[in-house]
């Protein structure tokens, strides 16, 4: 059954590849999950590799108001009585042979998580993928003028040493699970190394967040040892920050709240990342508090 849903289009030499996952839906705030994968795919000049057919994985209807059902249904376009497009959920793998990277962009499945996972692990087996990384986000108390805080959970404790130099904290959480959490848990039983990497994005901003996408792209590139040019997304990030800051300046109460968030963020960064410098300065009789 799984083989029927996974369509591999080509078989390039990707032995020892790394797989990066991005899912729309939950944990895609600011489009960090799908947006980062899309940016990497464009930047690295990827080519189509495989797809997972959507049949049986998604709920298209739900009891309740029409507005709720509208969020779940496929999109279509009808002009003058002619149906031009019908867009079912897409789950697409692309690859960059030079860097041995496979990038997946799709929609988190509503149903049959085990079967969807089997499709992913089948591709991992075919191309001998050595590590899997899910990129995601959640809304938190972080200012839009700072890089997002980064959190991680892993299938193999040895992966912690790989992530710590990149500023990751390790997640403490109890509550509803994301599909990537299921994959990370299942990876351990299959002998596959997997990490879930999550950025904390500003809760007060809706829509695509270029700054957080740029930060996640830069971070995962550093982990994988891949060279990418982020100048274009950095420029988009700067424009985004300036636009938000300008809008916030018109609301003094909100601007004051952002300043307090910045102060708390900066103090926390200093305490956690610059503790040795602070200690050295205090030995010289210089206090910064």
C-alpha atoms as a PDB file:
ATOM      1  CA  UNK A   1       0.000   0.000   0.000  1.00  0.00           C
ATOM      2  CA  UNK A   2       2.814   2.413   0.890  1.00  0.00           C
ATOM      3  CA  UNK A   3       4.623   1.726  -2.383  1.00  0.00           C
ATOM      4  CA  UNK A   4       1.508   2.806  -4.266  1.00  0.00           C
ATOM      5  CA  UNK A   5       1.499   6.234  -2.581  1.00  0.00           C
ATOM      6  CA  UNK A   6       5.202   7.034  -2.957  1.00  0.00           C
ATOM      7  CA  UNK A   7       6.149   7.855  -6.560  1.00  0.00           C
ATOM      8  CA  UNK A   8       9.915   8.077  -7.124  1.00  0.00           C
ATOM      9  CA  UNK A   9      10.540   9.816 -10.448  1.00  0.00           C
ATOM     10  CA  UNK A  10      14.315   9.448 -10.748  1.00  0.00           C
ATOM     11  CA  UNK A  11      17.215   7.686  -9.016  1.00  0.00           C
ATOM     12  CA  UNK A  12      20.222  10.026  -8.726  1.00  0.00           C
ATOM     13  CA  UNK A  13      23.253   9.052  -6.654  1.00  0.00           C
ATOM     14  CA  UNK A  14      22.331  10.479  -3.242  1.00  0.00           C
ATOM     15  CA  UNK A  15      23.942   7.879  -1.004  1.00  0.00           C
ATOM     16  CA  UNK A  16      24.383   9.417   2.455  1.00  0.00           C
ATOM     17  CA  UNK A  17      22.051  12.359   1.748  1.00  0.00           C
ATOM     18  CA  UNK A  18      20.400  14.526   4.392  1.00  0.00           C
ATOM     19  CA  UNK A  19      16.626  15.050   4.222  1.00  0.00           C
ATOM     20  CA  UNK A  20      14.999  18.353   5.235  1.00  0.00           C
ATOM     21  CA  UNK A  21      11.248  18.390   5.916  1.00  0.00           C
ATOM     22  CA  UNK A  22       8.800  21.294   5.795  1.00  0.00           C
ATOM     23  CA  UNK A  23       5.073  20.915   6.523  1.00  0.00           C
ATOM     24  CA  UNK A  24       2.293  23.475   6.203  1.00  0.00           C
ATOM     25  CA  UNK A  25      -0.248  23.613   8.994  1.00  0.00           C
ATOM     26  CA  UNK A  26       0.668  23.424  12.643  1.00  0.00           C
ATOM     27  CA  UNK A  27       4.237  24.590  13.450  1.00  0.00           C
ATOM     28  CA  UNK A  28       4.478  26.656  10.253  1.00  0.00           C
ATOM     29  CA  UNK A  29       3.955  30.073  11.838  1.00  0.00           C
ATOM     30  CA  UNK A  30       5.585  32.802   9.772  1.00  0.00           C
ATOM     31  CA  UNK A  31       5.898  30.186   6.998  1.00  0.00           C
ATOM     32  CA  UNK A  32       9.179  29.160   8.618  1.00  0.00           C
ATOM     33  CA  UNK A  33       8.704  25.460   7.847  1.00  0.00           C
ATOM     34  CA  UNK A  34       7.527  25.583   4.231  1.00  0.00           C
ATOM     35  CA  UNK A  35       9.132  28.944   3.499  1.00  0.00           C
ATOM     36  CA  UNK A  36      12.624  27.862   4.512  1.00  0.00           C
ATOM     37  CA  UNK A  37      12.393  24.651   2.482  1.00  0.00           C
ATOM     38  CA  UNK A  38      11.118  26.595  -0.521  1.00  0.00           C
ATOM     39  CA  UNK A  39      13.946  29.124  -0.189  1.00  0.00           C
ATOM     40  CA  UNK A  40      16.580  26.402   0.051  1.00  0.00           C
ATOM     41  CA  UNK A  41      15.075  24.575  -2.930  1.00  0.00           C
ATOM     42  CA  UNK A  42      15.257  27.722  -5.045  1.00  0.00           C
ATOM     43  CA  UNK A  43      18.713  28.715  -3.833  1.00  0.00           C
ATOM     44  CA  UNK A  44      20.260  25.275  -4.354  1.00  0.00           C
ATOM     45  CA  UNK A  45      18.703  24.741  -7.787  1.00  0.00           C
ATOM     46  CA  UNK A  46      16.916  21.514  -6.931  1.00  0.00           C
ATOM     47  CA  UNK A  47      15.198  19.082  -9.287  1.00  0.00           C
ATOM     48  CA  UNK A  48      12.090  16.895  -8.802  1.00  0.00           C
ATOM     49  CA  UNK A  49      12.718  13.578  -7.061  1.00  0.00           C
ATOM     50  CA  UNK A  50       9.471  12.059  -5.759  1.00  0.00           C
ATOM     51  CA  UNK A  51       5.943  12.718  -4.535  1.00  0.00           C
ATOM     52  CA  UNK A  52       3.562  11.259  -1.965  1.00  0.00           C
ATOM     53  CA  UNK A  53       0.003  10.956  -3.258  1.00  0.00           C
ATOM     54  CA  UNK A  54      -2.510  12.771  -1.016  1.00  0.00           C
ATOM     55  CA  UNK A  55      -5.312  10.172  -1.153  1.00  0.00           C
ATOM     56  CA  UNK A  56      -6.254   8.909   2.286  1.00  0.00           C
ATOM     57  CA  UNK A  57      -4.115  11.348   4.264  1.00  0.00           C
ATOM     58  CA  UNK A  58      -6.343  14.426   4.539  1.00  0.00           C
ATOM     59  CA  UNK A  59      -9.712  15.505   5.909  1.00  0.00           C
ATOM     60  CA  UNK A  60     -11.584  17.655   3.395  1.00  0.00           C
ATOM     61  CA  UNK A  61     -14.731  18.190   5.449  1.00  0.00           C
ATOM     62  CA  UNK A  62     -15.538  18.743   9.113  1.00  0.00           C
ATOM     63  CA  UNK A  63     -18.849  19.199  10.954  1.00  0.00           C
ATOM     64  CA  UNK A  64     -19.428  22.829  11.813  1.00  0.00           C
ATOM     65  CA  UNK A  65     -19.485  26.259  10.183  1.00  0.00           C
ATOM     66  CA  UNK A  66     -18.664  26.659   6.493  1.00  0.00           C
ATOM     67  CA  UNK A  67     -15.710  28.865   7.446  1.00  0.00           C
ATOM     68  CA  UNK A  68     -14.078  25.892   9.189  1.00  0.00           C
ATOM     69  CA  UNK A  69     -14.660  23.488   6.318  1.00  0.00           C
ATOM     70  CA  UNK A  70     -13.248  26.061   3.902  1.00  0.00           C
ATOM     71  CA  UNK A  71      -9.883  25.817   5.665  1.00  0.00           C
ATOM     72  CA  UNK A  72      -9.688  22.090   4.962  1.00  0.00           C
ATOM     73  CA  UNK A  73     -10.895  21.767   1.390  1.00  0.00           C
ATOM     74  CA  UNK A  74      -8.766  21.720  -1.782  1.00  0.00           C
ATOM     75  CA  UNK A  75      -8.682  24.957  -3.757  1.00  0.00           C
ATOM     76  CA  UNK A  76     -10.141  25.424  -7.232  1.00  0.00           C
ATOM     77  CA  UNK A  77     -10.525  28.116  -9.895  1.00  0.00           C
ATOM     78  CA  UNK A  78     -13.646  28.394 -12.068  1.00  0.00           C
ATOM     79  CA  UNK A  79     -14.024  31.054 -14.757  1.00  0.00           C
ATOM     80  CA  UNK A  80     -17.160  31.525 -16.848  1.00  0.00           C
ATOM     81  CA  UNK A  81     -18.352  28.081 -15.902  1.00  0.00           C
ATOM     82  CA  UNK A  82     -15.067  26.317 -16.774  1.00  0.00           C
ATOM     83  CA  UNK A  83     -13.102  24.541 -14.043  1.00  0.00           C
ATOM     84  CA  UNK A  84      -9.511  25.607 -14.705  1.00  0.00           C
ATOM     85  CA  UNK A  85      -7.734  24.279 -11.621  1.00  0.00           C
ATOM     86  CA  UNK A  86      -8.262  21.846  -8.781  1.00  0.00           C
ATOM     87  CA  UNK A  87      -5.427  21.870  -6.248  1.00  0.00           C
ATOM     88  CA  UNK A  88      -5.182  18.854  -3.955  1.00  0.00           C
ATOM     89  CA  UNK A  89      -2.483  18.880  -1.256  1.00  0.00           C
ATOM     90  CA  UNK A  90       1.002  18.375  -2.698  1.00  0.00           C
ATOM     91  CA  UNK A  91       3.842  16.476  -1.049  1.00  0.00           C
ATOM     92  CA  UNK A  92       6.964  16.940  -3.124  1.00  0.00           C
ATOM     93  CA  UNK A  93      10.583  15.848  -2.740  1.00  0.00           C
ATOM     94  CA  UNK A  94      13.321  17.720  -4.613  1.00  0.00           C
ATOM     95  CA  UNK A  95      17.058  17.110  -4.571  1.00  0.00           C
ATOM     96  CA  UNK A  96      20.380  18.890  -5.006  1.00  0.00           C
ATOM     97  CA  UNK A  97      22.917  16.305  -6.094  1.00  0.00           C
ATOM     98  CA  UNK A  98      25.998  18.493  -5.518  1.00  0.00           C
ATOM     99  CA  UNK A  99      25.193  18.910  -1.818  1.00  0.00           C
ATOM    100  CA  UNK A 100      23.428  15.544  -1.429  1.00  0.00           C
ATOM    101  CA  UNK A 101      20.356  17.205   0.025  1.00  0.00           C
ATOM    102  CA  UNK A 102      16.735  16.113  -0.330  1.00  0.00           C
ATOM    103  CA  UNK A 103      14.104  18.707   0.478  1.00  0.00           C
ATOM    104  CA  UNK A 104      10.472  17.845   1.168  1.00  0.00           C
ATOM    105  CA  UNK A 105       7.626  20.368   1.167  1.00  0.00           C
ATOM    106  CA  UNK A 106       4.105  19.206   1.899  1.00  0.00           C
ATOM    107  CA  UNK A 107       1.057  19.321   4.121  1.00  0.00           C
ATOM    108  CA  UNK A 108       0.988  17.671   7.531  1.00  0.00           C
ATOM    109  CA  UNK A 109      -1.275  14.602   7.194  1.00  0.00           C
ATOM    110  CA  UNK A 110      -4.561  14.567   9.088  1.00  0.00           C
ATOM    111  CA  UNK A 111      -4.969  10.792   8.850  1.00  0.00           C
ATOM    112  CA  UNK A 112      -2.891   7.611   8.633  1.00  0.00           C
ATOM    113  CA  UNK A 113       0.269   9.049  10.165  1.00  0.00           C
ATOM    114  CA  UNK A 114       1.885   5.617  10.195  1.00  0.00           C
ATOM    115  CA  UNK A 115       1.353   5.137   6.440  1.00  0.00           C
ATOM    116  CA  UNK A 116       2.626   8.621   5.614  1.00  0.00           C
ATOM    117  CA  UNK A 117       5.677   7.949   7.768  1.00  0.00           C
ATOM    118  CA  UNK A 118       6.234   4.673   5.903  1.00  0.00           C
ATOM    119  CA  UNK A 119       6.421   6.652   2.653  1.00  0.00           C
ATOM    120  CA  UNK A 120       9.043   8.959   4.113  1.00  0.00           C
ATOM    121  CA  UNK A 121      11.080   6.133   5.618  1.00  0.00           C
ATOM    122  CA  UNK A 122      10.871   4.208   2.351  1.00  0.00           C
ATOM    123  CA  UNK A 123      12.512   7.136   0.576  1.00  0.00           C
ATOM    124  CA  UNK A 124      15.103   7.325   3.379  1.00  0.00           C
ATOM    125  CA  UNK A 125      15.882   3.666   2.751  1.00  0.00           C
ATOM    126  CA  UNK A 126      16.069   3.944  -1.051  1.00  0.00           C
ATOM    127  CA  UNK A 127      18.520   6.860  -0.993  1.00  0.00           C
ATOM    128  CA  UNK A 128      20.362   5.779   2.177  1.00  0.00           C
ATOM    129  CA  UNK A 129      19.601   9.057   3.939  1.00  0.00           C
ATOM    130  CA  UNK A 130      21.831   9.422   6.981  1.00  0.00           C
ATOM    131  CA  UNK A 131      19.911  12.136   8.860  1.00  0.00           C
ATOM    132  CA  UNK A 132      16.523  13.855   8.755  1.00  0.00           C
ATOM    133  CA  UNK A 133      15.740  17.417   9.903  1.00  0.00           C
ATOM    134  CA  UNK A 134      12.294  18.929  10.334  1.00  0.00           C
ATOM    135  CA  UNK A 135      12.165  22.736  10.318  1.00  0.00           C
ATOM    136  CA  UNK A 136       9.272  24.350  12.160  1.00  0.00           C
ATOM    137  CA  UNK A 137       8.137  27.218  14.369  1.00  0.00           C
ATOM    138  CA  UNK A 138       5.809  28.227  17.159  1.00  0.00           C
ATOM    139  CA  UNK A 139       4.458  31.580  18.320  1.00  0.00           C
ATOM    140  CA  UNK A 140       6.212  32.989  21.378  1.00  0.00           C
ATOM    141  CA  UNK A 141       7.419  36.080  23.199  1.00  0.00           C
ATOM    142  CA  UNK A 142      10.259  37.204  20.951  1.00  0.00           C
ATOM    143  CA  UNK A 143      10.572  40.676  19.352  1.00  0.00           C
ATOM    144  CA  UNK A 144      10.523  41.042  15.573  1.00  0.00           C
ATOM    145  CA  UNK A 145      13.821  42.965  15.769  1.00  0.00           C
ATOM    146  CA  UNK A 146      15.773  39.936  16.986  1.00  0.00           C
ATOM    147  CA  UNK A 147      16.568  36.495  15.601  1.00  0.00           C
ATOM    148  CA  UNK A 148      14.202  33.770  16.840  1.00  0.00           C
ATOM    149  CA  UNK A 149      15.166  31.541  19.726  1.00  0.00           C
ATOM    150  CA  UNK A 150      15.872  28.008  18.522  1.00  0.00           C
ATOM    151  CA  UNK A 151      14.761  24.747  20.140  1.00  0.00           C
ATOM    152  CA  UNK A 152      15.396  21.118  19.231  1.00  0.00           C
ATOM    153  CA  UNK A 153      14.345  17.574  20.031  1.00  0.00           C
ATOM    154  CA  UNK A 154      16.246  14.570  18.689  1.00  0.00           C
ATOM    155  CA  UNK A 155      15.890  10.852  18.123  1.00  0.00           C
ATOM    156  CA  UNK A 156      19.501  10.160  19.084  1.00  0.00           C
ATOM    157  CA  UNK A 157      21.248  11.865  22.040  1.00  0.00           C
ATOM    158  CA  UNK A 158      24.454  12.037  19.991  1.00  0.00           C
ATOM    159  CA  UNK A 159      22.814  14.665  17.760  1.00  0.00           C
ATOM    160  CA  UNK A 160      22.795  17.160  20.641  1.00  0.00           C
ATOM    161  CA  UNK A 161      26.505  17.813  20.243  1.00  0.00           C
ATOM    162  CA  UNK A 162      25.878  18.681  16.584  1.00  0.00           C
ATOM    163  CA  UNK A 163      23.205  21.248  17.448  1.00  0.00           C
ATOM    164  CA  UNK A 164      24.557  22.942  20.586  1.00  0.00           C
ATOM    165  CA  UNK A 165      27.158  25.089  18.759  1.00  0.00           C
ATOM    166  CA  UNK A 166      24.340  26.604  16.693  1.00  0.00           C
ATOM    167  CA  UNK A 167      22.495  28.027  19.691  1.00  0.00           C
ATOM    168  CA  UNK A 168      19.799  25.398  20.134  1.00  0.00           C
ATOM    169  CA  UNK A 169      18.124  24.765  23.457  1.00  0.00           C
ATOM    170  CA  UNK A 170      16.590  21.366  24.033  1.00  0.00           C
ATOM    171  CA  UNK A 171      12.832  21.216  24.301  1.00  0.00           C
ATOM    172  CA  UNK A 172      10.839  20.580  27.475  1.00  0.00           C
ATOM    173  CA  UNK A 173       7.220  20.175  26.424  1.00  0.00           C
ATOM    174  CA  UNK A 174       4.102  18.195  27.245  1.00  0.00           C
ATOM    175  CA  UNK A 175       0.969  18.511  25.124  1.00  0.00           C
ATOM    176  CA  UNK A 176      -0.482  17.826  21.649  1.00  0.00           C
ATOM    177  CA  UNK A 177       2.047  16.338  19.244  1.00  0.00           C
ATOM    178  CA  UNK A 178       2.992  17.399  15.741  1.00  0.00           C
ATOM    179  CA  UNK A 179       3.527  14.820  12.998  1.00  0.00           C
ATOM    180  CA  UNK A 180       7.255  15.631  13.084  1.00  0.00           C
ATOM    181  CA  UNK A 181       7.334  14.604  16.744  1.00  0.00           C
ATOM    182  CA  UNK A 182       5.843  11.269  15.770  1.00  0.00           C
ATOM    183  CA  UNK A 183       8.480  10.914  13.044  1.00  0.00           C
ATOM    184  CA  UNK A 184      11.285  11.748  15.464  1.00  0.00           C
ATOM    185  CA  UNK A 185       9.997   9.149  17.910  1.00  0.00           C
ATOM    186  CA  UNK A 186       9.577   6.536  15.162  1.00  0.00           C
ATOM    187  CA  UNK A 187      13.034   7.291  13.754  1.00  0.00           C
ATOM    188  CA  UNK A 188      14.710   5.913  16.864  1.00  0.00           C
ATOM    189  CA  UNK A 189      13.058   2.508  16.315  1.00  0.00           C
ATOM    190  CA  UNK A 190      14.174   2.499  12.672  1.00  0.00           C
ATOM    191  CA  UNK A 191      17.770   3.449  13.366  1.00  0.00           C
ATOM    192  CA  UNK A 192      17.396   6.795  11.579  1.00  0.00           C
ATOM    193  CA  UNK A 193      18.822   9.978  13.104  1.00  0.00           C
ATOM    194  CA  UNK A 194      16.263  12.791  13.136  1.00  0.00           C
ATOM    195  CA  UNK A 195      16.074  16.250  14.689  1.00  0.00           C
ATOM    196  CA  UNK A 196      13.098  18.570  15.007  1.00  0.00           C
ATOM    197  CA  UNK A 197      14.358  22.163  14.809  1.00  0.00           C
ATOM    198  CA  UNK A 198      11.911  24.864  15.877  1.00  0.00           C
ATOM    199  CA  UNK A 199      12.133  28.658  15.801  1.00  0.00           C
ATOM    200  CA  UNK A 200      10.202  30.842  18.243  1.00  0.00           C
ATOM    201  CA  UNK A 201       8.525  33.518  16.111  1.00  0.00           C
ATOM    202  CA  UNK A 202       6.768  36.737  17.246  1.00  0.00           C
ATOM    203  CA  UNK A 203       3.222  35.911  18.291  1.00  0.00           C
ATOM    204  CA  UNK A 204       1.972  39.401  17.411  1.00  0.00           C
ATOM    205  CA  UNK A 205       2.826  39.142  13.688  1.00  0.00           C
ATOM    206  CA  UNK A 206       0.773  37.192  11.161  1.00  0.00           C
ATOM    207  CA  UNK A 207       1.886  36.001   7.735  1.00  0.00           C
ATOM    208  CA  UNK A 208       5.290  35.269   6.249  1.00  0.00           C
ATOM    209  CA  UNK A 209       8.230  36.287   8.449  1.00  0.00           C
ATOM    210  CA  UNK A 210      11.363  36.797   6.290  1.00  0.00           C
ATOM    211  CA  UNK A 211      13.625  37.368   9.291  1.00  0.00           C
ATOM    212  CA  UNK A 212      12.781  34.017  10.845  1.00  0.00           C
ATOM    213  CA  UNK A 213      13.044  32.231   7.486  1.00  0.00           C
ATOM    214  CA  UNK A 214      16.477  33.767   6.920  1.00  0.00           C
ATOM    215  CA  UNK A 215      17.610  32.770  10.419  1.00  0.00           C
ATOM    216  CA  UNK A 216      16.440  29.181   9.984  1.00  0.00           C
ATOM    217  CA  UNK A 217      17.961  28.892   6.486  1.00  0.00           C
ATOM    218  CA  UNK A 218      21.275  30.227   7.752  1.00  0.00           C
ATOM    219  CA  UNK A 219      21.210  27.890  10.741  1.00  0.00           C
ATOM    220  CA  UNK A 220      20.396  24.678   8.881  1.00  0.00           C
ATOM    221  CA  UNK A 221      22.997  25.537   6.236  1.00  0.00           C
ATOM    222  CA  UNK A 222      25.560  25.876   9.022  1.00  0.00           C
ATOM    223  CA  UNK A 223      24.573  22.537  10.549  1.00  0.00           C
ATOM    224  CA  UNK A 224      24.851  20.790   7.198  1.00  0.00           C
ATOM    225  CA  UNK A 225      28.008  22.582   6.107  1.00  0.00           C
ATOM    226  CA  UNK A 226      26.319  23.946   2.983  1.00  0.00           C
ATOM    227  CA  UNK A 227      27.197  27.335   1.493  1.00  0.00           C
ATOM    228  CA  UNK A 228      24.183  29.489   0.597  1.00  0.00           C
ATOM    229  CA  UNK A 229      23.838  33.170  -0.233  1.00  0.00           C
ATOM    230  CA  UNK A 230      21.156  34.744   1.955  1.00  0.00           C
ATOM    231  CA  UNK A 231      21.601  38.335   0.732  1.00  0.00           C
ATOM    232  CA  UNK A 232      18.180  38.503  -0.948  1.00  0.00           C
ATOM    233  CA  UNK A 233      16.227  37.106   1.988  1.00  0.00           C
ATOM    234  CA  UNK A 234      18.284  39.284   4.374  1.00  0.00           C
ATOM    235  CA  UNK A 235      17.241  42.361   2.404  1.00  0.00           C
ATOM    236  CA  UNK A 236      13.615  41.188   2.562  1.00  0.00           C
ATOM    237  CA  UNK A 237      14.098  40.690   6.306  1.00  0.00           C
ATOM    238  CA  UNK A 238      15.388  44.247   6.760  1.00  0.00           C
ATOM    239  CA  UNK A 239      12.458  45.688   4.797  1.00  0.00           C
ATOM    240  CA  UNK A 240      10.033  43.569   6.811  1.00  0.00           C
ATOM    241  CA  UNK A 241      11.506  44.719  10.134  1.00  0.00           C
ATOM    242  CA  UNK A 242      11.409  48.378   9.102  1.00  0.00           C
ATOM    243  CA  UNK A 243       7.786  48.109   7.970  1.00  0.00           C
ATOM    244  CA  UNK A 244       6.660  46.445  11.215  1.00  0.00           C
ATOM    245  CA  UNK A 245       8.626  48.893  13.352  1.00  0.00           C
ATOM    246  CA  UNK A 246       7.037  51.826  11.507  1.00  0.00           C
ATOM    247  CA  UNK A 247       3.556  50.450  12.102  1.00  0.00           C
ATOM    248  CA  UNK A 248       4.262  49.763  15.786  1.00  0.00           C
ATOM    249  CA  UNK A 249       5.594  53.307  16.309  1.00  0.00           C
ATOM    250  CA  UNK A 250       2.059  54.603  15.743  1.00  0.00           C
ATOM    251  CA  UNK A 251       0.898  52.723  18.852  1.00  0.00           C
ATOM    252  CA  UNK A 252       2.922  53.902  21.895  1.00  0.00           C
ATOM    253  CA  UNK A 253       1.663  51.143  24.221  1.00  0.00           C
ATOM    254  CA  UNK A 254       2.667  48.422  21.763  1.00  0.00           C
ATOM    255  CA  UNK A 255       6.021  50.096  21.064  1.00  0.00           C
ATOM    256  CA  UNK A 256       6.753  50.173  24.798  1.00  0.00           C
ATOM    257  CA  UNK A 257       5.900  46.476  25.075  1.00  0.00           C
ATOM    258  CA  UNK A 258       8.294  45.659  22.212  1.00  0.00           C
ATOM    259  CA  UNK A 259      11.093  47.637  23.932  1.00  0.00           C
ATOM    260  CA  UNK A 260      10.564  45.602  27.091  1.00  0.00           C
ATOM    261  CA  UNK A 261      10.672  42.367  25.069  1.00  0.00           C
ATOM    262  CA  UNK A 262      13.923  43.508  23.455  1.00  0.00           C
ATOM    263  CA  UNK A 263      15.479  44.291  26.833  1.00  0.00           C
ATOM    264  CA  UNK A 264      14.466  40.901  28.209  1.00  0.00           C
ATOM    265  CA  UNK A 265      15.760  39.125  25.081  1.00  0.00           C
ATOM    266  CA  UNK A 266      19.098  40.963  25.153  1.00  0.00           C
ATOM    267  CA  UNK A 267      19.570  40.311  28.856  1.00  0.00           C
ATOM    268  CA  UNK A 268      18.852  36.630  28.354  1.00  0.00           C
ATOM    269  CA  UNK A 269      21.292  36.386  25.439  1.00  0.00           C
ATOM    270  CA  UNK A 270      23.983  38.086  27.488  1.00  0.00           C
ATOM    271  CA  UNK A 271      23.454  35.750  30.435  1.00  0.00           C
ATOM    272  CA  UNK A 272      23.408  32.546  28.386  1.00  0.00           C
ATOM    273  CA  UNK A 273      25.848  33.290  25.569  1.00  0.00           C
ATOM    274  CA  UNK A 274      28.204  35.882  27.057  1.00  0.00           C
ATOM    275  CA  UNK A 275      28.478  34.738  30.642  1.00  0.00           C
ATOM    276  CA  UNK A 276      32.261  34.309  30.425  1.00  0.00           C
ATOM    277  CA  UNK A 277      32.677  37.880  29.142  1.00  0.00           C
ATOM    278  CA  UNK A 278      30.521  39.254  31.943  1.00  0.00           C
ATOM    279  CA  UNK A 279      32.523  37.330  34.528  1.00  0.00           C
ATOM    280  CA  UNK A 280      35.808  38.623  33.070  1.00  0.00           C
ATOM    281  CA  UNK A 281      34.538  42.229  33.079  1.00  0.00           C
ATOM    282  CA  UNK A 282      33.443  41.925  36.698  1.00  0.00           C
ATOM    283  CA  UNK A 283      36.915  40.686  37.617  1.00  0.00           C
ATOM    284  CA  UNK A 284      38.223  43.928  36.118  1.00  0.00           C
ATOM    285  CA  UNK A 285      35.782  45.922  38.243  1.00  0.00           C
ATOM    286  CA  UNK A 286      33.347  46.619  35.416  1.00  0.00           C
ATOM    287  CA  UNK A 287      29.701  45.809  36.101  1.00  0.00           C
ATOM    288  CA  UNK A 288      27.063  45.837  33.375  1.00  0.00           C
ATOM    289  CA  UNK A 289      23.887  45.482  35.420  1.00  0.00           C
END
